């Protein structure tokens, strides 16, 4: 049976169609989810895409955390049952929902950053990175104004000690993120948030590489291995 991966659209989402295309290229069935839906339609995993949910009012992701759909998503993700990938604004929503620690703040330059970006995979044991090898460097796209990952020193130390840093910036820190952190995971490894955009690096014609596709094939490998999903 083909895996069904939901892609949530909030008012102001920008990259939901790109995320759905990446899901399809990986071999799964993308399922459109609207922020006001009452349930997750029985999907096996969820992608929270990039953009400017609710216009980024208050703080990026601060309103989206209260969307009706999140009332089912948050407890399912927190329990470890539902794999969730948050990209850019999706990462911000995960932090605002307390599914991941820390916060995303204004870039150190106070300017919007739009560039191809090399990342190093630090953790290949999550539901979304299993098709990579640790230490591999991949080229994807970075485009954000509030992409600087921050957390207190104790949280940063815990993330490092428990292997929960998923990807790290290589070749210079583009936004002032603490310890060059580009993405992290929760303690179960089912929730991953990253600021760069792997969905924009899935086709040679339109991206700087195809090396972002591994995030989307990884979830299929995770499910094929019999890991529990959608419990």
C-alpha atoms as a PDB file:
ATOM      1  CA  UNK A   1       0.000   0.000   0.000  1.00  0.00           C
ATOM      2  CA  UNK A   2       1.299   3.434  -0.948  1.00  0.00           C
ATOM      3  CA  UNK A   3       2.184   5.621   2.014  1.00  0.00           C
ATOM      4  CA  UNK A   4       0.039   8.721   2.415  1.00  0.00           C
ATOM      5  CA  UNK A   5       1.890  11.860   3.485  1.00  0.00           C
ATOM      6  CA  UNK A   6      -0.143  14.893   4.418  1.00  0.00           C
ATOM      7  CA  UNK A   7       1.011  18.400   3.490  1.00  0.00           C
ATOM      8  CA  UNK A   8      -0.636  21.124   5.552  1.00  0.00           C
ATOM      9  CA  UNK A   9      -1.660  24.425   3.983  1.00  0.00           C
ATOM     10  CA  UNK A  10      -2.076  27.420   6.268  1.00  0.00           C
ATOM     11  CA  UNK A  11      -3.162  30.879   5.124  1.00  0.00           C
ATOM     12  CA  UNK A  12       0.118  32.269   3.835  1.00  0.00           C
ATOM     13  CA  UNK A  13       1.827  28.940   3.104  1.00  0.00           C
ATOM     14  CA  UNK A  14       4.222  29.259   0.196  1.00  0.00           C
ATOM     15  CA  UNK A  15       5.915  25.917  -0.383  1.00  0.00           C
ATOM     16  CA  UNK A  16       3.077  23.444   0.123  1.00  0.00           C
ATOM     17  CA  UNK A  17       2.881  22.538  -3.565  1.00  0.00           C
ATOM     18  CA  UNK A  18       6.644  22.039  -3.724  1.00  0.00           C
ATOM     19  CA  UNK A  19       6.506  19.780  -0.669  1.00  0.00           C
ATOM     20  CA  UNK A  20       3.662  17.760  -2.216  1.00  0.00           C
ATOM     21  CA  UNK A  21       5.672  17.334  -5.412  1.00  0.00           C
ATOM     22  CA  UNK A  22       8.685  16.122  -3.423  1.00  0.00           C
ATOM     23  CA  UNK A  23       6.457  13.603  -1.629  1.00  0.00           C
ATOM     24  CA  UNK A  24       5.182  12.324  -4.989  1.00  0.00           C
ATOM     25  CA  UNK A  25       8.673  12.109  -6.486  1.00  0.00           C
ATOM     26  CA  UNK A  26       9.726  10.022  -3.498  1.00  0.00           C
ATOM     27  CA  UNK A  27       6.955   7.543  -4.290  1.00  0.00           C
ATOM     28  CA  UNK A  28       4.302   8.429  -1.719  1.00  0.00           C
ATOM     29  CA  UNK A  29       0.813   9.837  -2.150  1.00  0.00           C
ATOM     30  CA  UNK A  30       0.611  13.498  -1.127  1.00  0.00           C
ATOM     31  CA  UNK A  31      -2.577  14.358   0.745  1.00  0.00           C
ATOM     32  CA  UNK A  32      -3.634  18.001   1.000  1.00  0.00           C
ATOM     33  CA  UNK A  33      -4.557  19.031   4.536  1.00  0.00           C
ATOM     34  CA  UNK A  34      -6.181  22.386   5.292  1.00  0.00           C
ATOM     35  CA  UNK A  35      -5.333  24.166   8.551  1.00  0.00           C
ATOM     36  CA  UNK A  36      -8.991  24.179   9.571  1.00  0.00           C
ATOM     37  CA  UNK A  37      -9.562  20.463   8.962  1.00  0.00           C
ATOM     38  CA  UNK A  38     -10.924  18.569  11.924  1.00  0.00           C
ATOM     39  CA  UNK A  39      -8.649  15.561  11.459  1.00  0.00           C
ATOM     40  CA  UNK A  40      -5.543  14.290   9.668  1.00  0.00           C
ATOM     41  CA  UNK A  41      -7.468  12.049   7.240  1.00  0.00           C
ATOM     42  CA  UNK A  42      -5.573   8.992   8.415  1.00  0.00           C
ATOM     43  CA  UNK A  43      -2.241   9.988   6.846  1.00  0.00           C
ATOM     44  CA  UNK A  44       0.952   8.140   7.762  1.00  0.00           C
ATOM     45  CA  UNK A  45       3.133  11.240   8.110  1.00  0.00           C
ATOM     46  CA  UNK A  46       2.841  15.018   7.826  1.00  0.00           C
ATOM     47  CA  UNK A  47       4.900  17.829   6.319  1.00  0.00           C
ATOM     48  CA  UNK A  48       4.534  21.382   7.634  1.00  0.00           C
ATOM     49  CA  UNK A  49       5.825  23.450   4.703  1.00  0.00           C
ATOM     50  CA  UNK A  50       7.554  26.789   4.430  1.00  0.00           C
ATOM     51  CA  UNK A  51       5.900  30.142   3.948  1.00  0.00           C
ATOM     52  CA  UNK A  52       4.373  32.831   6.127  1.00  0.00           C
ATOM     53  CA  UNK A  53       1.535  31.153   8.018  1.00  0.00           C
ATOM     54  CA  UNK A  54      -1.104  33.675   9.070  1.00  0.00           C
ATOM     55  CA  UNK A  55       1.161  36.414   7.745  1.00  0.00           C
ATOM     56  CA  UNK A  56       3.773  35.738  10.455  1.00  0.00           C
ATOM     57  CA  UNK A  57       1.762  37.981  12.778  1.00  0.00           C
ATOM     58  CA  UNK A  58       2.828  38.035  16.445  1.00  0.00           C
ATOM     59  CA  UNK A  59       5.755  35.686  15.726  1.00  0.00           C
ATOM     60  CA  UNK A  60       6.469  33.224  12.945  1.00  0.00           C
ATOM     61  CA  UNK A  61       4.305  30.167  13.652  1.00  0.00           C
ATOM     62  CA  UNK A  62       2.737  31.620  16.806  1.00  0.00           C
ATOM     63  CA  UNK A  63      -0.803  31.609  15.413  1.00  0.00           C
ATOM     64  CA  UNK A  64      -0.423  28.421  13.358  1.00  0.00           C
ATOM     65  CA  UNK A  65       0.171  26.391  16.518  1.00  0.00           C
ATOM     66  CA  UNK A  66      -3.485  27.023  17.403  1.00  0.00           C
ATOM     67  CA  UNK A  67      -4.901  25.882  14.045  1.00  0.00           C
ATOM     68  CA  UNK A  68      -7.678  23.276  14.459  1.00  0.00           C
ATOM     69  CA  UNK A  69      -5.630  20.609  12.666  1.00  0.00           C
ATOM     70  CA  UNK A  70      -2.833  20.977  15.212  1.00  0.00           C
ATOM     71  CA  UNK A  71      -5.092  19.689  17.990  1.00  0.00           C
ATOM     72  CA  UNK A  72      -4.717  16.183  16.529  1.00  0.00           C
ATOM     73  CA  UNK A  73      -1.223  16.566  15.115  1.00  0.00           C
ATOM     74  CA  UNK A  74       0.535  17.720  18.289  1.00  0.00           C
ATOM     75  CA  UNK A  75      -0.384  14.836  20.617  1.00  0.00           C
ATOM     76  CA  UNK A  76       0.186  12.249  17.883  1.00  0.00           C
ATOM     77  CA  UNK A  77       3.631  13.681  17.168  1.00  0.00           C
ATOM     78  CA  UNK A  78       4.526  14.097  20.828  1.00  0.00           C
ATOM     79  CA  UNK A  79       3.780  10.421  21.500  1.00  0.00           C
ATOM     80  CA  UNK A  80       6.191   9.358  18.766  1.00  0.00           C
ATOM     81  CA  UNK A  81       3.424   7.819  16.661  1.00  0.00           C
ATOM     82  CA  UNK A  82       3.225  10.389  13.856  1.00  0.00           C
ATOM     83  CA  UNK A  83       6.284  11.396  11.818  1.00  0.00           C
ATOM     84  CA  UNK A  84       6.294  15.150  11.173  1.00  0.00           C
ATOM     85  CA  UNK A  85       8.735  17.183   9.072  1.00  0.00           C
ATOM     86  CA  UNK A  86       8.730  20.958   9.549  1.00  0.00           C
ATOM     87  CA  UNK A  87      10.521  22.999   6.897  1.00  0.00           C
ATOM     88  CA  UNK A  88      11.371  26.682   7.464  1.00  0.00           C
ATOM     89  CA  UNK A  89       8.050  28.119   8.713  1.00  0.00           C
ATOM     90  CA  UNK A  90       7.142  24.527   9.581  1.00  0.00           C
ATOM     91  CA  UNK A  91      10.202  24.403  11.861  1.00  0.00           C
ATOM     92  CA  UNK A  92       9.037  27.614  13.506  1.00  0.00           C
ATOM     93  CA  UNK A  93       5.582  26.090  14.035  1.00  0.00           C
ATOM     94  CA  UNK A  94       7.114  22.986  15.630  1.00  0.00           C
ATOM     95  CA  UNK A  95       9.057  25.164  18.078  1.00  0.00           C
ATOM     96  CA  UNK A  96       6.014  27.305  18.860  1.00  0.00           C
ATOM     97  CA  UNK A  97       4.029  24.093  19.472  1.00  0.00           C
ATOM     98  CA  UNK A  98       6.739  22.878  21.876  1.00  0.00           C
ATOM     99  CA  UNK A  99       7.306  19.754  19.811  1.00  0.00           C
ATOM    100  CA  UNK A 100      10.910  20.930  19.433  1.00  0.00           C
ATOM    101  CA  UNK A 101      12.931  23.099  21.828  1.00  0.00           C
ATOM    102  CA  UNK A 102      14.315  26.537  21.111  1.00  0.00           C
ATOM    103  CA  UNK A 103      13.140  29.248  18.731  1.00  0.00           C
ATOM    104  CA  UNK A 104      13.891  30.813  15.362  1.00  0.00           C
ATOM    105  CA  UNK A 105      14.750  34.515  15.446  1.00  0.00           C
ATOM    106  CA  UNK A 106      15.823  37.232  13.016  1.00  0.00           C
ATOM    107  CA  UNK A 107      18.900  36.475  10.957  1.00  0.00           C
ATOM    108  CA  UNK A 108      22.045  37.995  12.432  1.00  0.00           C
ATOM    109  CA  UNK A 109      22.389  40.154   9.318  1.00  0.00           C
ATOM    110  CA  UNK A 110      18.809  41.444   9.757  1.00  0.00           C
ATOM    111  CA  UNK A 111      18.384  40.636   6.081  1.00  0.00           C
ATOM    112  CA  UNK A 112      16.506  37.933   4.208  1.00  0.00           C
ATOM    113  CA  UNK A 113      18.938  35.207   3.129  1.00  0.00           C
ATOM    114  CA  UNK A 114      18.360  33.391  -0.175  1.00  0.00           C
ATOM    115  CA  UNK A 115      21.156  31.046  -1.267  1.00  0.00           C
ATOM    116  CA  UNK A 116      22.202  27.509  -2.032  1.00  0.00           C
ATOM    117  CA  UNK A 117      23.441  25.996   1.206  1.00  0.00           C
ATOM    118  CA  UNK A 118      25.587  23.000   2.090  1.00  0.00           C
ATOM    119  CA  UNK A 119      24.455  20.969   5.106  1.00  0.00           C
ATOM    120  CA  UNK A 120      26.148  18.123   6.939  1.00  0.00           C
ATOM    121  CA  UNK A 121      23.922  15.281   8.108  1.00  0.00           C
ATOM    122  CA  UNK A 122      24.697  14.713  11.789  1.00  0.00           C
ATOM    123  CA  UNK A 123      21.941  12.208  12.596  1.00  0.00           C
ATOM    124  CA  UNK A 124      20.869   9.584  10.069  1.00  0.00           C
ATOM    125  CA  UNK A 125      18.724   7.745  12.585  1.00  0.00           C
ATOM    126  CA  UNK A 126      15.534   9.801  12.399  1.00  0.00           C
ATOM    127  CA  UNK A 127      12.384   8.935  10.484  1.00  0.00           C
ATOM    128  CA  UNK A 128      13.279  11.629   7.943  1.00  0.00           C
ATOM    129  CA  UNK A 129      17.035  11.081   7.470  1.00  0.00           C
ATOM    130  CA  UNK A 130      17.479   7.301   7.391  1.00  0.00           C
ATOM    131  CA  UNK A 131      18.426   7.239   3.703  1.00  0.00           C
ATOM    132  CA  UNK A 132      21.465   9.428   4.376  1.00  0.00           C
ATOM    133  CA  UNK A 133      24.728   8.500   6.079  1.00  0.00           C
ATOM    134  CA  UNK A 134      26.087  10.515   8.972  1.00  0.00           C
ATOM    135  CA  UNK A 135      28.685  12.995   7.825  1.00  0.00           C
ATOM    136  CA  UNK A 136      27.293  13.295   4.307  1.00  0.00           C
ATOM    137  CA  UNK A 137      27.156  16.803   2.914  1.00  0.00           C
ATOM    138  CA  UNK A 138      24.157  17.804   0.816  1.00  0.00           C
ATOM    139  CA  UNK A 139      23.314  20.918  -1.179  1.00  0.00           C
ATOM    140  CA  UNK A 140      19.850  22.398  -0.701  1.00  0.00           C
ATOM    141  CA  UNK A 141      18.185  25.835  -0.687  1.00  0.00           C
ATOM    142  CA  UNK A 142      18.004  28.312   2.191  1.00  0.00           C
ATOM    143  CA  UNK A 143      15.552  31.220   2.072  1.00  0.00           C
ATOM    144  CA  UNK A 144      14.440  32.898   5.279  1.00  0.00           C
ATOM    145  CA  UNK A 145      14.452  36.081   7.297  1.00  0.00           C
ATOM    146  CA  UNK A 146      13.888  34.548  10.729  1.00  0.00           C
ATOM    147  CA  UNK A 147      16.151  31.529  10.493  1.00  0.00           C
ATOM    148  CA  UNK A 148      18.561  31.943  13.386  1.00  0.00           C
ATOM    149  CA  UNK A 149      18.125  28.988  15.737  1.00  0.00           C
ATOM    150  CA  UNK A 150      18.547  29.901  19.407  1.00  0.00           C
ATOM    151  CA  UNK A 151      18.220  28.048  22.712  1.00  0.00           C
ATOM    152  CA  UNK A 152      19.763  28.306  26.154  1.00  0.00           C
ATOM    153  CA  UNK A 153      23.118  26.626  26.735  1.00  0.00           C
ATOM    154  CA  UNK A 154      21.634  23.740  28.706  1.00  0.00           C
ATOM    155  CA  UNK A 155      19.256  22.909  25.857  1.00  0.00           C
ATOM    156  CA  UNK A 156      22.025  23.160  23.282  1.00  0.00           C
ATOM    157  CA  UNK A 157      24.245  20.887  25.368  1.00  0.00           C
ATOM    158  CA  UNK A 158      21.428  18.345  25.673  1.00  0.00           C
ATOM    159  CA  UNK A 159      20.753  18.395  21.932  1.00  0.00           C
ATOM    160  CA  UNK A 160      24.427  17.761  21.257  1.00  0.00           C
ATOM    161  CA  UNK A 161      24.813  15.071  23.927  1.00  0.00           C
ATOM    162  CA  UNK A 162      21.753  13.121  22.807  1.00  0.00           C
ATOM    163  CA  UNK A 163      22.484  13.312  19.079  1.00  0.00           C
ATOM    164  CA  UNK A 164      19.430  15.415  18.322  1.00  0.00           C
ATOM    165  CA  UNK A 165      21.190  17.856  15.991  1.00  0.00           C
ATOM    166  CA  UNK A 166      20.086  16.520  12.601  1.00  0.00           C
ATOM    167  CA  UNK A 167      21.814  18.857  10.136  1.00  0.00           C
ATOM    168  CA  UNK A 168      24.407  21.579  10.521  1.00  0.00           C
ATOM    169  CA  UNK A 169      25.476  24.439   8.261  1.00  0.00           C
ATOM    170  CA  UNK A 170      28.765  23.957   6.404  1.00  0.00           C
ATOM    171  CA  UNK A 171      30.899  26.633   4.769  1.00  0.00           C
ATOM    172  CA  UNK A 172      29.875  29.512   6.997  1.00  0.00           C
ATOM    173  CA  UNK A 173      26.929  30.240   9.225  1.00  0.00           C
ATOM    174  CA  UNK A 174      24.314  32.061   7.088  1.00  0.00           C
ATOM    175  CA  UNK A 175      22.037  33.383   9.822  1.00  0.00           C
ATOM    176  CA  UNK A 176      23.704  33.300  13.234  1.00  0.00           C
ATOM    177  CA  UNK A 177      22.200  29.990  14.373  1.00  0.00           C
ATOM    178  CA  UNK A 178      23.778  28.777  17.585  1.00  0.00           C
ATOM    179  CA  UNK A 179      26.422  26.103  16.990  1.00  0.00           C
ATOM    180  CA  UNK A 180      25.663  26.188  13.236  1.00  0.00           C
ATOM    181  CA  UNK A 181      22.475  24.196  13.855  1.00  0.00           C
ATOM    182  CA  UNK A 182      20.230  23.944  10.787  1.00  0.00           C
ATOM    183  CA  UNK A 183      17.835  21.270  12.033  1.00  0.00           C
ATOM    184  CA  UNK A 184      16.983  19.190  15.092  1.00  0.00           C
ATOM    185  CA  UNK A 185      14.785  16.277  16.151  1.00  0.00           C
ATOM    186  CA  UNK A 186      12.785  15.265  19.202  1.00  0.00           C
ATOM    187  CA  UNK A 187      13.667  12.428  21.567  1.00  0.00           C
ATOM    188  CA  UNK A 188      11.714   9.877  19.513  1.00  0.00           C
ATOM    189  CA  UNK A 189      13.262  10.847  16.178  1.00  0.00           C
ATOM    190  CA  UNK A 190       9.849  11.141  14.513  1.00  0.00           C
ATOM    191  CA  UNK A 191       9.690  14.950  14.530  1.00  0.00           C
ATOM    192  CA  UNK A 192      12.319  16.829  12.540  1.00  0.00           C
ATOM    193  CA  UNK A 193      12.529  20.558  11.915  1.00  0.00           C
ATOM    194  CA  UNK A 194      15.016  22.319   9.666  1.00  0.00           C
ATOM    195  CA  UNK A 195      15.296  25.823   8.301  1.00  0.00           C
ATOM    196  CA  UNK A 196      16.655  25.007   4.804  1.00  0.00           C
ATOM    197  CA  UNK A 197      14.384  23.641   2.069  1.00  0.00           C
ATOM    198  CA  UNK A 198      15.051  20.061   0.915  1.00  0.00           C
ATOM    199  CA  UNK A 199      11.903  20.163  -1.247  1.00  0.00           C
ATOM    200  CA  UNK A 200      13.637  22.669  -3.526  1.00  0.00           C
ATOM    201  CA  UNK A 201      16.469  20.216  -4.170  1.00  0.00           C
ATOM    202  CA  UNK A 202      14.641  17.209  -5.610  1.00  0.00           C
ATOM    203  CA  UNK A 203      14.946  17.768  -9.376  1.00  0.00           C
ATOM    204  CA  UNK A 204      18.044  18.663 -11.365  1.00  0.00           C
ATOM    205  CA  UNK A 205      16.065  20.998 -13.652  1.00  0.00           C
ATOM    206  CA  UNK A 206      14.882  23.330 -10.891  1.00  0.00           C
ATOM    207  CA  UNK A 207      17.198  22.858  -7.915  1.00  0.00           C
ATOM    208  CA  UNK A 208      20.890  23.104  -7.102  1.00  0.00           C
ATOM    209  CA  UNK A 209      20.929  19.303  -6.652  1.00  0.00           C
ATOM    210  CA  UNK A 210      18.611  16.361  -6.022  1.00  0.00           C
ATOM    211  CA  UNK A 211      20.119  15.720  -2.597  1.00  0.00           C
ATOM    212  CA  UNK A 212      17.104  16.973  -0.676  1.00  0.00           C
ATOM    213  CA  UNK A 213      14.962  14.085  -1.910  1.00  0.00           C
ATOM    214  CA  UNK A 214      16.433  11.833   0.768  1.00  0.00           C
ATOM    215  CA  UNK A 215      14.268  13.481   3.422  1.00  0.00           C
ATOM    216  CA  UNK A 216      11.182  12.280   1.577  1.00  0.00           C
ATOM    217  CA  UNK A 217      12.423   8.820   0.615  1.00  0.00           C
ATOM    218  CA  UNK A 218      13.602   8.307   4.195  1.00  0.00           C
ATOM    219  CA  UNK A 219      10.081   8.370   5.584  1.00  0.00           C
ATOM    220  CA  UNK A 220       9.076   5.643   3.121  1.00  0.00           C
ATOM    221  CA  UNK A 221      12.050   3.530   4.186  1.00  0.00           C
ATOM    222  CA  UNK A 222      11.117   4.172   7.812  1.00  0.00           C
ATOM    223  CA  UNK A 223       7.604   2.865   7.243  1.00  0.00           C
ATOM    224  CA  UNK A 224       8.753  -0.054   5.093  1.00  0.00           C
ATOM    225  CA  UNK A 225      11.006  -1.145   7.937  1.00  0.00           C
ATOM    226  CA  UNK A 226       7.904  -1.638  10.050  1.00  0.00           C
ATOM    227  CA  UNK A 227       8.364   1.314  12.365  1.00  0.00           C
ATOM    228  CA  UNK A 228       5.072   2.223  14.008  1.00  0.00           C
ATOM    229  CA  UNK A 229       3.227   5.115  12.386  1.00  0.00           C
ATOM    230  CA  UNK A 230      -0.249   6.575  12.639  1.00  0.00           C
ATOM    231  CA  UNK A 231      -0.942   4.729  15.911  1.00  0.00           C
END
